PDB file of N, CA and C in Angstrom:
ATOM      1  N   UNK A   1      42.366 120.684-113.329  1.00  0.00           N
ATOM      2  CA  UNK A   1      43.029 119.360-112.753  1.00  0.00           C
ATOM      3  C   UNK A   1      42.111 118.435-112.441  1.00  0.00           C
ATOM      4  N   UNK A   2      40.890 118.824-111.881  1.00  0.00           N
ATOM      5  CA  UNK A   2      39.961 117.994-111.086  1.00  0.00           C
ATOM      6  C   UNK A   2      39.237 116.848-112.419  1.00  0.00           C
ATOM      7  N   UNK A   3      39.274 117.738-113.560  1.00  0.00           N
ATOM      8  CA  UNK A   3      38.557 116.918-114.423  1.00  0.00           C
ATOM      9  C   UNK A   3      39.219 115.838-114.991  1.00  0.00           C
ATOM     10  N   UNK A   4      40.644 115.943-115.197  1.00  0.00           N
ATOM     11  CA  UNK A   4      41.490 115.126-115.589  1.00  0.00           C
ATOM     12  C   UNK A   4      41.576 114.015-114.449  1.00  0.00           C
ATOM     13  N   UNK A   5      41.616 114.381-113.173  1.00  0.00           N
ATOM     14  CA  UNK A   5      42.008 113.296-112.009  1.00  0.00           C
ATOM     15  C   UNK A   5      40.754 112.507-112.199  1.00  0.00           C
ATOM     16  N   UNK A   6      39.378 113.164-112.284  1.00  0.00           N
ATOM     17  CA  UNK A   6      38.233 112.420-112.173  1.00  0.00           C
ATOM     18  C   UNK A   6      38.265 111.235-112.939  1.00  0.00           C
ATOM     19  N   UNK A   7      38.655 111.282-114.224  1.00  0.00           N
ATOM     20  CA  UNK A   7      38.692 110.317-114.995  1.00  0.00           C
ATOM     21  C   UNK A   7      39.376 109.063-114.687  1.00  0.00           C
ATOM     22  N   UNK A   8      40.324 109.231-113.693  1.00  0.00           N
ATOM     23  CA  UNK A   8      41.172 107.873-113.232  1.00  0.00           C
ATOM     24  C   UNK A   8      40.507 107.575-111.759  1.00  0.00           C
ATOM     25  N   UNK A   9      39.541 108.284-111.318  1.00  0.00           N
ATOM     26  CA  UNK A   9      39.041 107.990-109.961  1.00  0.00           C
ATOM     27  C   UNK A   9      37.423 107.377-110.159  1.00  0.00           C
ATOM     28  N   UNK A  10      36.788 107.990-111.229  1.00  0.00           N
ATOM     29  CA  UNK A  10      35.428 107.548-111.369  1.00  0.00           C
ATOM     30  C   UNK A  10      35.671 107.097-113.037  1.00  0.00           C
ATOM     31  N   UNK A  11      35.007 106.076-113.291  1.00  0.00           N
ATOM     32  CA  UNK A  11      35.042 105.375-114.646  1.00  0.00           C
ATOM     33  C   UNK A  11      33.979 106.408-115.561  1.00  0.00           C
ATOM     34  N   UNK A  12      34.920 107.344-116.358  1.00  0.00           N
ATOM     35  CA  UNK A  12      34.365 108.351-117.304  1.00  0.00           C
ATOM     36  C   UNK A  12      35.337 108.681-118.470  1.00  0.00           C
ATOM     37  N   UNK A  13      34.652 109.427-119.342  1.00  0.00           N
ATOM     38  CA  UNK A  13      35.402 109.814-120.619  1.00  0.00           C
ATOM     39  C   UNK A  13      35.824 111.327-120.214  1.00  0.00           C
ATOM     40  N   UNK A  14      36.869 111.671-120.969  1.00  0.00           N
ATOM     41  CA  UNK A  14      37.372 113.087-120.786  1.00  0.00           C
ATOM     42  C   UNK A  14      35.964 114.171-121.412  1.00  0.00           C
ATOM     43  N   UNK A  15      35.099 113.740-122.146  1.00  0.00           N
ATOM     44  CA  UNK A  15      34.277 114.587-122.547  1.00  0.00           C
ATOM     45  C   UNK A  15      32.892 114.490-121.683  1.00  0.00           C
ATOM     46  N   UNK A  16      32.802 113.698-120.630  1.00  0.00           N
ATOM     47  CA  UNK A  16      31.588 113.458-120.008  1.00  0.00           C
ATOM     48  C   UNK A  16      31.348 114.788-119.187  1.00  0.00           C
ATOM     49  N   UNK A  17      32.551 115.458-118.595  1.00  0.00           N
ATOM     50  CA  UNK A  17      32.346 116.451-117.694  1.00  0.00           C
ATOM     51  C   UNK A  17      33.245 117.783-118.253  1.00  0.00           C
ATOM     52  N   UNK A  18      32.881 118.956-117.703  1.00  0.00           N
ATOM     53  CA  UNK A  18      33.646 120.097-117.950  1.00  0.00           C
ATOM     54  C   UNK A  18      33.628 120.825-116.568  1.00  0.00           C
ATOM     55  N   UNK A  19      34.721 121.841-116.571  1.00  0.00           N
ATOM     56  CA  UNK A  19      34.896 122.714-115.365  1.00  0.00           C
ATOM     57  C   UNK A  19      34.942 124.058-115.779  1.00  0.00           C
ATOM     58  N   UNK A  20      34.514 124.906-114.679  1.00  0.00           N
ATOM     59  CA  UNK A  20      34.522 126.320-114.929  1.00  0.00           C
ATOM     60  C   UNK A  20      34.809 126.812-113.491  1.00  0.00           C
ATOM     61  N   UNK A  21      35.717 127.983-113.474  1.00  0.00           N
ATOM     62  CA  UNK A  21      35.874 128.577-112.266  1.00  0.00           C
ATOM     63  C   UNK A  21      36.094 130.024-112.490  1.00  0.00           C
ATOM     64  N   UNK A  22      35.900 130.496-111.361  1.00  0.00           N
ATOM     65  CA  UNK A  22      35.750 132.080-111.526  1.00  0.00           C
ATOM     66  C   UNK A  22      36.515 132.804-110.273  1.00  0.00           C
ATOM     67  N   UNK A  23      36.945 133.913-110.276  1.00  0.00           N
ATOM     68  CA  UNK A  23      37.494 134.489-108.912  1.00  0.00           C
ATOM     69  C   UNK A  23      36.866 135.827-109.032  1.00  0.00           C
ATOM     70  N   UNK A  24      35.872 135.947-108.651  1.00  0.00           N
ATOM     71  CA  UNK A  24      35.072 137.172-108.746  1.00  0.00           C
ATOM     72  C   UNK A  24      34.945 137.521-107.085  1.00  0.00           C
ATOM     73  N   UNK A  25      33.731 138.120-106.823  1.00  0.00           N
ATOM     74  CA  UNK A  25      33.581 138.472-105.156  1.00  0.00           C
ATOM     75  C   UNK A  25      33.371 137.261-104.486  1.00  0.00           C
ATOM     76  N   UNK A  26      32.937 136.351-105.320  1.00  0.00           N
ATOM     77  CA  UNK A  26      32.644 134.988-104.459  1.00  0.00           C
ATOM     78  C   UNK A  26      33.568 133.982-105.256  1.00  0.00           C
ATOM     79  N   UNK A  27      34.882 133.533-105.029  1.00  0.00           N
ATOM     80  CA  UNK A  27      35.450 132.531-105.630  1.00  0.00           C
ATOM     81  C   UNK A  27      34.600 131.148-105.819  1.00  0.00           C
ATOM     82  N   UNK A  28      34.680 130.690-106.938  1.00  0.00           N
ATOM     83  CA  UNK A  28      33.707 129.235-107.085  1.00  0.00           C
ATOM     84  C   UNK A  28      34.576 128.446-108.227  1.00  0.00           C
ATOM     85  N   UNK A  29      34.210 127.145-108.206  1.00  0.00           N
ATOM     86  CA  UNK A  29      34.770 126.083-109.300  1.00  0.00           C
ATOM     87  C   UNK A  29      33.417 125.303-109.394  1.00  0.00           C
ATOM     88  N   UNK A  30      33.309 124.898-110.664  1.00  0.00           N
ATOM     89  CA  UNK A  30      32.049 124.044-110.981  1.00  0.00           C
ATOM     90  C   UNK A  30      32.551 123.003-111.726  1.00  0.00           C
ATOM     91  N   UNK A  31      32.015 121.715-111.453  1.00  0.00           N
ATOM     92  CA  UNK A  31      32.324 120.591-112.395  1.00  0.00           C
ATOM     93  C   UNK A  31      30.734 120.236-112.725  1.00  0.00           C
ATOM     94  N   UNK A  32      30.456 120.276-114.076  1.00  0.00           N
ATOM     95  CA  UNK A  32      29.326 119.740-114.671  1.00  0.00           C
ATOM     96  C   UNK A  32      29.222 118.947-115.925  1.00  0.00           C
ATOM     97  N   UNK A  33      28.115 118.141-115.760  1.00  0.00           N
ATOM     98  CA  UNK A  33      28.231 117.038-117.027  1.00  0.00           C
ATOM     99  C   UNK A  33      27.859 117.769-118.462  1.00  0.00           C
ATOM    100  N   UNK A  34      28.323 117.199-119.431  1.00  0.00           N
ATOM    101  CA  UNK A  34      27.872 117.724-120.490  1.00  0.00           C
ATOM    102  C   UNK A  34      26.866 116.898-121.628  1.00  0.00           C
ATOM    103  N   UNK A  35      25.826 116.315-120.564  1.00  0.00           N
ATOM    104  CA  UNK A  35      24.754 115.784-121.205  1.00  0.00           C
ATOM    105  C   UNK A  35      23.520 116.055-120.555  1.00  0.00           C
ATOM    106  N   UNK A  36      22.537 116.484-121.081  1.00  0.00           N
ATOM    107  CA  UNK A  36      21.232 116.796-120.695  1.00  0.00           C
ATOM    108  C   UNK A  36      20.627 115.833-119.492  1.00  0.00           C
ATOM    109  N   UNK A  37      20.546 116.464-118.179  1.00  0.00           N
ATOM    110  CA  UNK A  37      20.074 115.494-117.189  1.00  0.00           C
ATOM    111  C   UNK A  37      21.387 114.747-116.580  1.00  0.00           C
ATOM    112  N   UNK A  38      22.440 114.565-117.107  1.00  0.00           N
ATOM    113  CA  UNK A  38      23.411 114.076-116.630  1.00  0.00           C
ATOM    114  C   UNK A  38      23.430 112.609-116.465  1.00  0.00           C
ATOM    115  N   UNK A  39      24.596 111.996-116.043  1.00  0.00           N
ATOM    116  CA  UNK A  39      24.672 110.489-116.305  1.00  0.00           C
ATOM    117  C   UNK A  39      25.369 110.051-114.747  1.00  0.00           C
ATOM    118  N   UNK A  40      25.495 111.127-113.933  1.00  0.00           N
ATOM    119  CA  UNK A  40      25.767 110.813-112.358  1.00  0.00           C
ATOM    120  C   UNK A  40      27.284 111.039-112.019  1.00  0.00           C
ATOM    121  N   UNK A  41      28.030 111.402-113.129  1.00  0.00           N
ATOM    122  CA  UNK A  41      29.621 111.576-112.891  1.00  0.00           C
ATOM    123  C   UNK A  41      29.759 112.466-111.871  1.00  0.00           C
ATOM    124  N   UNK A  42      29.286 113.832-112.368  1.00  0.00           N
ATOM    125  CA  UNK A  42      29.285 115.057-111.474  1.00  0.00           C
ATOM    126  C   UNK A  42      29.205 114.777-109.978  1.00  0.00           C
ATOM    127  N   UNK A  43      27.986 114.223-109.841  1.00  0.00           N
ATOM    128  CA  UNK A  43      27.674 113.775-108.455  1.00  0.00           C
ATOM    129  C   UNK A  43      28.748 113.056-107.598  1.00  0.00           C
ATOM    130  N   UNK A  44      29.271 111.866-108.308  1.00  0.00           N
ATOM    131  CA  UNK A  44      30.404 111.156-108.165  1.00  0.00           C
ATOM    132  C   UNK A  44      31.616 111.655-107.840  1.00  0.00           C
ATOM    133  N   UNK A  45      31.889 112.860-108.889  1.00  0.00           N
ATOM    134  CA  UNK A  45      33.127 113.736-108.429  1.00  0.00           C
ATOM    135  C   UNK A  45      32.957 114.563-107.122  1.00  0.00           C
ATOM    136  N   UNK A  46      31.799 115.182-106.769  1.00  0.00           N
ATOM    137  CA  UNK A  46      31.643 115.877-105.684  1.00  0.00           C
ATOM    138  C   UNK A  46      31.741 115.170-104.594  1.00  0.00           C
ATOM    139  N   UNK A  47      31.602 113.622-104.330  1.00  0.00           N
ATOM    140  CA  UNK A  47      31.739 112.856-103.237  1.00  0.00           C
ATOM    141  C   UNK A  47      33.151 112.668-102.964  1.00  0.00           C
ATOM    142  N   UNK A  48      34.018 112.765-104.152  1.00  0.00           N
ATOM    143  CA  UNK A  48      35.567 112.142-103.981  1.00  0.00           C
ATOM    144  C   UNK A  48      36.191 113.432-104.711  1.00  0.00           C
ATOM    145  N   UNK A  49      35.996 114.558-104.543  1.00  0.00           N
ATOM    146  CA  UNK A  49      36.600 115.772-105.091  1.00  0.00           C
ATOM    147  C   UNK A  49      37.986 115.776-104.791  1.00  0.00           C
ATOM    148  N   UNK A  50      38.519 115.642-103.465  1.00  0.00           N
ATOM    149  CA  UNK A  50      39.669 115.816-103.096  1.00  0.00           C
ATOM    150  C   UNK A  50      40.683 114.603-103.518  1.00  0.00           C
ATOM    151  N   UNK A  51      40.130 113.329-103.934  1.00  0.00           N
ATOM    152  CA  UNK A  51      40.975 112.293-104.151  1.00  0.00           C
ATOM    153  C   UNK A  51      41.131 112.617-105.793  1.00  0.00           C
ATOM    154  N   UNK A  52      40.061 113.103-106.495  1.00  0.00           N
ATOM    155  CA  UNK A  52      40.262 113.624-107.733  1.00  0.00           C
ATOM    156  C   UNK A  52      41.329 114.511-108.137  1.00  0.00           C
ATOM    157  N   UNK A  53      40.995 115.518-107.355  1.00  0.00           N
ATOM    158  CA  UNK A  53      42.060 116.639-107.358  1.00  0.00           C
ATOM    159  C   UNK A  53      43.528 116.194-107.107  1.00  0.00           C
ATOM    160  N   UNK A  54      43.641 115.350-106.181  1.00  0.00           N
ATOM    161  CA  UNK A  54      44.936 114.635-105.934  1.00  0.00           C
ATOM    162  C   UNK A  54      45.731 114.298-107.089  1.00  0.00           C
ATOM    163  N   UNK A  55      44.840 113.446-107.545  1.00  0.00           N
ATOM    164  CA  UNK A  55      45.215 112.691-108.936  1.00  0.00           C
ATOM    165  C   UNK A  55      45.438 113.655-110.125  1.00  0.00           C
ATOM    166  N   UNK A  56      44.685 114.828-110.285  1.00  0.00           N
ATOM    167  CA  UNK A  56      44.859 115.512-111.283  1.00  0.00           C
ATOM    168  C   UNK A  56      46.153 116.493-111.069  1.00  0.00           C
ATOM    169  N   UNK A  57      46.446 116.422-109.785  1.00  0.00           N
ATOM    170  CA  UNK A  57      47.846 117.254-109.551  1.00  0.00           C
ATOM    171  C   UNK A  57      49.129 116.399-109.749  1.00  0.00           C
ATOM    172  N   UNK A  58      48.679 115.085-109.471  1.00  0.00           N
ATOM    173  CA  UNK A  58      49.828 113.926-109.716  1.00  0.00           C
ATOM    174  C   UNK A  58      50.261 114.159-111.223  1.00  0.00           C
ATOM    175  N   UNK A  59      49.089 114.179-112.111  1.00  0.00           N
ATOM    176  CA  UNK A  59      49.016 114.097-113.454  1.00  0.00           C
ATOM    177  C   UNK A  59      49.851 115.259-114.140  1.00  0.00           C
ATOM    178  N   UNK A  60      49.563 116.410-113.596  1.00  0.00           N
ATOM    179  CA  UNK A  60      49.908 117.468-114.063  1.00  0.00           C
ATOM    180  C   UNK A  60      51.177 117.721-113.754  1.00  0.00           C
ATOM    181  N   UNK A  61      51.718 117.205-112.635  1.00  0.00           N
ATOM    182  CA  UNK A  61      53.192 117.404-112.128  1.00  0.00           C
ATOM    183  C   UNK A  61      54.047 116.760-112.859  1.00  0.00           C
ATOM    184  N   UNK A  62      53.527 115.445-113.404  1.00  0.00           N
ATOM    185  CA  UNK A  62      54.348 114.471-114.280  1.00  0.00           C
ATOM    186  C   UNK A  62      54.274 114.698-115.650  1.00  0.00           C
ATOM    187  N   UNK A  63      53.322 115.594-116.342  1.00  0.00           N
ATOM    188  CA  UNK A  63      53.301 115.931-117.670  1.00  0.00           C
ATOM    189  C   UNK A  63      54.415 116.689-118.091  1.00  0.00           C
ATOM    190  N   UNK A  64      54.874 116.390-119.310  1.00  0.00           N
ATOM    191  CA  UNK A  64      56.342 116.927-119.825  1.00  0.00           C
ATOM    192  C   UNK A  64      56.004 118.415-120.496  1.00  0.00           C
ATOM    193  N   UNK A  65      54.649 118.757-120.426  1.00  0.00           N
ATOM    194  CA  UNK A  65      54.435 119.993-120.948  1.00  0.00           C
ATOM    195  C   UNK A  65      54.999 121.163-120.118  1.00  0.00           C
ATOM    196  N   UNK A  66      55.249 122.187-120.591  1.00  0.00           N
ATOM    197  CA  UNK A  66      55.856 123.514-119.642  1.00  0.00           C
ATOM    198  C   UNK A  66      54.592 124.233-119.235  1.00  0.00           C
ATOM    199  N   UNK A  67      53.553 124.551-119.801  1.00  0.00           N
ATOM    200  CA  UNK A  67      52.771 125.725-119.257  1.00  0.00           C
ATOM    201  C   UNK A  67      51.147 125.189-119.358  1.00  0.00           C
ATOM    202  N   UNK A  68      50.932 123.333-119.393  1.00  0.00           N
ATOM    203  CA  UNK A  68      49.771 123.187-119.413  1.00  0.00           C
ATOM    204  C   UNK A  68      49.051 122.654-120.771  1.00  0.00           C
ATOM    205  N   UNK A  69      48.346 121.705-120.808  1.00  0.00           N
ATOM    206  CA  UNK A  69      47.986 120.996-122.167  1.00  0.00           C
ATOM    207  C   UNK A  69      46.669 120.367-121.727  1.00  0.00           C
ATOM    208  N   UNK A  70      45.889 119.841-122.935  1.00  0.00           N
ATOM    209  CA  UNK A  70      44.651 119.125-122.558  1.00  0.00           C
ATOM    210  C   UNK A  70      44.943 117.783-122.013  1.00  0.00           C
ATOM    211  N   UNK A  71      46.156 117.202-121.938  1.00  0.00           N
ATOM    212  CA  UNK A  71      46.376 116.055-121.173  1.00  0.00           C
ATOM    213  C   UNK A  71      46.628 116.418-119.582  1.00  0.00           C
ATOM    214  N   UNK A  72      47.087 117.587-119.171  1.00  0.00           N
ATOM    215  CA  UNK A  72      46.978 117.635-117.778  1.00  0.00           C
ATOM    216  C   UNK A  72      46.035 118.658-117.079  1.00  0.00           C
ATOM    217  N   UNK A  73      45.815 119.738-117.928  1.00  0.00           N
ATOM    218  CA  UNK A  73      45.277 120.906-116.878  1.00  0.00           C
ATOM    219  C   UNK A  73      44.202 121.524-118.015  1.00  0.00           C
ATOM    220  N   UNK A  74      44.070 121.732-119.272  1.00  0.00           N
ATOM    221  CA  UNK A  74      43.047 122.545-120.074  1.00  0.00           C
ATOM    222  C   UNK A  74      42.020 121.562-120.055  1.00  0.00           C
ATOM    223  N   UNK A  75      40.923 122.392-120.316  1.00  0.00           N
ATOM    224  CA  UNK A  75      39.426 121.743-120.448  1.00  0.00           C
ATOM    225  C   UNK A  75      39.557 120.894-121.810  1.00  0.00           C
ATOM    226  N   UNK A  76      38.906 119.969-121.960  1.00  0.00           N
ATOM    227  CA  UNK A  76      38.877 119.095-122.996  1.00  0.00           C
ATOM    228  C   UNK A  76      38.287 119.607-124.251  1.00  0.00           C
ATOM    229  N   UNK A  77      37.564 120.458-124.117  1.00  0.00           N
ATOM    230  CA  UNK A  77      36.773 120.984-125.354  1.00  0.00           C
ATOM    231  C   UNK A  77      37.124 122.673-125.029  1.00  0.00           C
ATOM    232  N   UNK A  78      38.372 123.157-125.395  1.00  0.00           N
ATOM    233  CA  UNK A  78      38.789 124.557-125.241  1.00  0.00           C
ATOM    234  C   UNK A  78      38.419 125.294-126.472  1.00  0.00           C
ATOM    235  N   UNK A  79      36.925 125.785-126.403  1.00  0.00           N
ATOM    236  CA  UNK A  79      36.514 126.780-127.312  1.00  0.00           C
ATOM    237  C   UNK A  79      36.921 128.223-126.991  1.00  0.00           C
ATOM    238  N   UNK A  80      37.255 128.606-125.666  1.00  0.00           N
ATOM    239  CA  UNK A  80      37.539 129.671-125.184  1.00  0.00           C
ATOM    240  C   UNK A  80      38.978 130.310-125.293  1.00  0.00           C
ATOM    241  N   UNK A  81      39.464 131.123-126.096  1.00  0.00           N
ATOM    242  CA  UNK A  81      40.767 131.604-126.108  1.00  0.00           C
ATOM    243  C   UNK A  81      41.447 131.750-124.870  1.00  0.00           C
ATOM    244  N   UNK A  82      40.420 132.160-123.760  1.00  0.00           N
ATOM    245  CA  UNK A  82      41.270 132.633-122.513  1.00  0.00           C
ATOM    246  C   UNK A  82      41.765 131.414-121.730  1.00  0.00           C
ATOM    247  N   UNK A  83      41.767 130.285-122.322  1.00  0.00           N
ATOM    248  CA  UNK A  83      42.433 129.095-121.949  1.00  0.00           C
ATOM    249  C   UNK A  83      44.017 129.169-121.881  1.00  0.00           C
ATOM    250  N   UNK A  84      44.342 129.994-122.940  1.00  0.00           N
ATOM    251  CA  UNK A  84      45.536 130.243-122.860  1.00  0.00           C
ATOM    252  C   UNK A  84      46.414 131.016-121.824  1.00  0.00           C
ATOM    253  N   UNK A  85      45.360 131.470-121.013  1.00  0.00           N
ATOM    254  CA  UNK A  85      45.885 132.092-119.895  1.00  0.00           C
ATOM    255  C   UNK A  85      46.024 130.944-118.740  1.00  0.00           C
ATOM    256  N   UNK A  86      45.723 129.790-118.777  1.00  0.00           N
ATOM    257  CA  UNK A  86      45.973 128.900-117.869  1.00  0.00           C
ATOM    258  C   UNK A  86      47.479 128.746-117.221  1.00  0.00           C
ATOM    259  N   UNK A  87      47.583 128.817-116.150  1.00  0.00           N
ATOM    260  CA  UNK A  87      49.225 128.745-115.454  1.00  0.00           C
ATOM    261  C   UNK A  87      49.138 127.261-114.807  1.00  0.00           C
ATOM    262  N   UNK A  88      49.823 126.563-115.277  1.00  0.00           N
ATOM    263  CA  UNK A  88      49.968 125.083-114.853  1.00  0.00           C
ATOM    264  C   UNK A  88      50.806 125.105-113.474  1.00  0.00           C
ATOM    265  N   UNK A  89      51.835 125.794-113.518  1.00  0.00           N
ATOM    266  CA  UNK A  89      52.495 125.874-112.033  1.00  0.00           C
ATOM    267  C   UNK A  89      51.639 126.486-110.953  1.00  0.00           C
ATOM    268  N   UNK A  90      51.054 127.576-111.299  1.00  0.00           N
ATOM    269  CA  UNK A  90      50.055 128.240-110.208  1.00  0.00           C
ATOM    270  C   UNK A  90      48.931 127.176-109.925  1.00  0.00           C
ATOM    271  N   UNK A  91      48.371 126.667-110.758  1.00  0.00           N
ATOM    272  CA  UNK A  91      47.161 125.692-110.626  1.00  0.00           C
ATOM    273  C   UNK A  91      47.780 124.358-109.571  1.00  0.00           C
ATOM    274  N   UNK A  92      48.923 123.965-109.797  1.00  0.00           N
ATOM    275  CA  UNK A  92      49.317 122.872-109.225  1.00  0.00           C
ATOM    276  C   UNK A  92      49.628 123.387-107.627  1.00  0.00           C
ATOM    277  N   UNK A  93      50.275 124.613-107.486  1.00  0.00           N
ATOM    278  CA  UNK A  93      50.287 125.066-106.112  1.00  0.00           C
ATOM    279  C   UNK A  93      49.030 125.428-105.360  1.00  0.00           C
ATOM    280  N   UNK A  94      48.037 125.881-106.103  1.00  0.00           N
ATOM    281  CA  UNK A  94      46.568 126.143-105.674  1.00  0.00           C
ATOM    282  C   UNK A  94      46.015 124.977-105.264  1.00  0.00           C
ATOM    283  N   UNK A  95      46.167 124.149-105.993  1.00  0.00           N
ATOM    284  CA  UNK A  95      45.589 122.778-105.689  1.00  0.00           C
ATOM    285  C   UNK A  95      46.358 122.083-104.563  1.00  0.00           C
ATOM    286  N   UNK A  96      47.489 122.120-104.530  1.00  0.00           N
ATOM    287  CA  UNK A  96      48.128 121.604-103.363  1.00  0.00           C
ATOM    288  C   UNK A  96      47.709 122.421-101.954  1.00  0.00           C
ATOM    289  N   UNK A  97      47.631 123.531-102.159  1.00  0.00           N
ATOM    290  CA  UNK A  97      47.250 124.484-100.895  1.00  0.00           C
ATOM    291  C   UNK A  97      45.887 123.926-100.389  1.00  0.00           C
ATOM    292  N   UNK A  98      44.866 123.799-101.532  1.00  0.00           N
ATOM    293  CA  UNK A  98      43.612 123.437-101.277  1.00  0.00           C
ATOM    294  C   UNK A  98      43.543 122.102-100.327  1.00  0.00           C
ATOM    295  N   UNK A  99      44.170 121.066-101.110  1.00  0.00           N
ATOM    296  CA  UNK A  99      44.304 119.682-100.374  1.00  0.00           C
ATOM    297  C   UNK A  99      44.974 119.813 -98.990  1.00  0.00           C
ATOM    298  N   UNK A 100      46.087 120.664 -98.742  1.00  0.00           N
ATOM    299  CA  UNK A 100      46.683 120.669 -97.405  1.00  0.00           C
ATOM    300  C   UNK A 100      45.812 121.553 -96.348  1.00  0.00           C
ATOM    301  N   UNK A 101      44.970 122.128 -96.733  1.00  0.00           N
ATOM    302  CA  UNK A 101      43.953 123.063 -96.077  1.00  0.00           C
ATOM    303  C   UNK A 101      42.729 122.067 -95.754  1.00  0.00           C
ATOM    304  N   UNK A 102      42.495 121.191 -96.378  1.00  0.00           N
ATOM    305  CA  UNK A 102      41.613 120.164 -96.149  1.00  0.00           C
ATOM    306  C   UNK A 102      41.960 119.100 -95.078  1.00  0.00           C
ATOM    307  N   UNK A 103      43.112 118.755 -95.326  1.00  0.00           N
ATOM    308  CA  UNK A 103      43.941 117.691 -94.508  1.00  0.00           C
ATOM    309  C   UNK A 103      43.996 118.371 -93.175  1.00  0.00           C
ATOM    310  N   UNK A 104      44.356 119.623 -93.034  1.00  0.00           N
ATOM    311  CA  UNK A 104      44.638 120.135 -91.728  1.00  0.00           C
ATOM    312  C   UNK A 104      43.194 120.509 -91.012  1.00  0.00           C
ATOM    313  N   UNK A 105      42.009 120.646 -91.897  1.00  0.00           N
ATOM    314  CA  UNK A 105      40.742 120.743 -91.124  1.00  0.00           C
ATOM    315  C   UNK A 105      40.727 122.243 -90.983  1.00  0.00           C
ATOM    316  N   UNK A 106      39.669 122.709 -90.488  1.00  0.00           N
ATOM    317  CA  UNK A 106      39.249 124.298 -90.094  1.00  0.00           C
ATOM    318  C   UNK A 106      40.437 124.790 -89.281  1.00  0.00           C
ATOM    319  N   UNK A 107      40.543 126.265 -89.408  1.00  0.00           N
ATOM    320  CA  UNK A 107      41.590 126.666 -88.403  1.00  0.00           C
ATOM    321  C   UNK A 107      40.580 127.882 -87.815  1.00  0.00           C
ATOM    322  N   UNK A 108      40.659 128.177 -86.730  1.00  0.00           N
ATOM    323  CA  UNK A 108      39.958 129.226 -85.882  1.00  0.00           C
ATOM    324  C   UNK A 108      40.942 130.281 -85.323  1.00  0.00           C
ATOM    325  N   UNK A 109      40.273 131.218 -85.397  1.00  0.00           N
ATOM    326  CA  UNK A 109      40.880 132.409 -84.351  1.00  0.00           C
ATOM    327  C   UNK A 109      39.880 133.501 -84.010  1.00  0.00           C
ATOM    328  N   UNK A 110      40.064 134.032 -83.216  1.00  0.00           N
ATOM    329  CA  UNK A 110      39.308 135.398 -82.474  1.00  0.00           C
ATOM    330  C   UNK A 110      39.605 136.571 -83.255  1.00  0.00           C
ATOM    331  N   UNK A 111      38.500 137.218 -83.789  1.00  0.00           N
ATOM    332  CA  UNK A 111      38.750 138.325 -84.628  1.00  0.00           C
ATOM    333  C   UNK A 111      37.524 139.332 -84.008  1.00  0.00           C
ATOM    334  N   UNK A 112      37.819 140.528 -83.563  1.00  0.00           N
ATOM    335  CA  UNK A 112      36.665 141.247 -82.954  1.00  0.00           C
ATOM    336  C   UNK A 112      35.965 140.628 -82.036  1.00  0.00           C
ATOM    337  N   UNK A 113      36.477 139.768 -81.001  1.00  0.00           N
ATOM    338  CA  UNK A 113      35.805 139.024 -80.188  1.00  0.00           C
ATOM    339  C   UNK A 113      35.024 137.973 -80.554  1.00  0.00           C
ATOM    340  N   UNK A 114      35.130 137.625 -81.846  1.00  0.00           N
ATOM    341  CA  UNK A 114      34.242 136.315 -82.346  1.00  0.00           C
ATOM    342  C   UNK A 114      35.111 135.163 -82.700  1.00  0.00           C
ATOM    343  N   UNK A 115      34.713 134.154 -82.594  1.00  0.00           N
ATOM    344  CA  UNK A 115      35.628 132.904 -83.092  1.00  0.00           C
ATOM    345  C   UNK A 115      35.290 132.617 -84.608  1.00  0.00           C
ATOM    346  N   UNK A 116      36.162 132.707 -85.616  1.00  0.00           N
ATOM    347  CA  UNK A 116      36.123 132.866 -86.902  1.00  0.00           C
ATOM    348  C   UNK A 116      36.889 131.763 -87.555  1.00  0.00           C
ATOM    349  N   UNK A 117      36.378 131.216 -88.682  1.00  0.00           N
ATOM    350  CA  UNK A 117      37.097 130.271 -89.481  1.00  0.00           C
ATOM    351  C   UNK A 117      38.291 131.148 -90.176  1.00  0.00           C
ATOM    352  N   UNK A 118      39.565 130.661 -90.445  1.00  0.00           N
ATOM    353  CA  UNK A 118      40.390 131.339 -91.338  1.00  0.00           C
ATOM    354  C   UNK A 118      41.065 130.397 -92.306  1.00  0.00           C
TER     355      UNK A 118
END
């Protein structure tokens, strides 16, 4: 969703950037440029990622498709068949939770006598 939202927040084309995410031991999401050396789009996305993600959620929520399409959540260049497993509803929920957590700011609690982020 951040890739789609970024096109409306930063002047760019849908093929300028790609995204990758993984949920292994260290969950991570990446936004990278499709041009050697880059043209500055990914750097700009990083500085306004929450605005781009919020716009992507808005677009996905208003898209008429039922499970996700290249207009709302799928990568523009879908070479990998695993994209068939993208869940539009869960993606919108996850993005909403992430945006809400950023809005709230860090939560702290005491765990084993230490103050930790939760």
